[in-house]
């Protein structure tokens, strides 16, 4: 079974993100699965699909219930170790677990990289906002000084200049 992560995606999310698994014909024809009956091979194919869509996590009881019409073929898969069962009753299909772990690892690396990029961008935006704010504050101060000068100008104009004083 694939390793569990703290932020493990829901089954539906995983099924949407990765609705397929890799199938290698060379591994199929040279693997133990070709030693079992064609019925068992068909059950295995369906079991792989179900296992994948359930995030590589199903119990032996669930699998037996799902494939109850083909129990002898299912038992054949177990006898040939095409499908394994853990001590706690979980199905194991190694090649799918490997693919799921690879997908989870890549997904986690991309999430970390995206987070780091997002943090860097947020820091840039914050620095820009602070710089822009300082610039705008400076403009406001300059505008205020101009307004003060302009408001003083009429008062200065109405004050008699020394030339206008009579001696």
Foldseek 3Di string as FASTA:
>chain_A
DADDDPCDDALVVQCVVDVDDDDDVVCVVPDLLVVADPLLVVLVVVVLNVCVSRLNWDFPVVSCVVVVVPVVSVVRCDVSVCWDADPVGIIHRPVSNVRSNVVVVVVVVVVVVVVVVVVVVVVVVVVVVVVVVVVVVVVVVVVVVVVVVVVCVVVVVPDDDPVPDDD
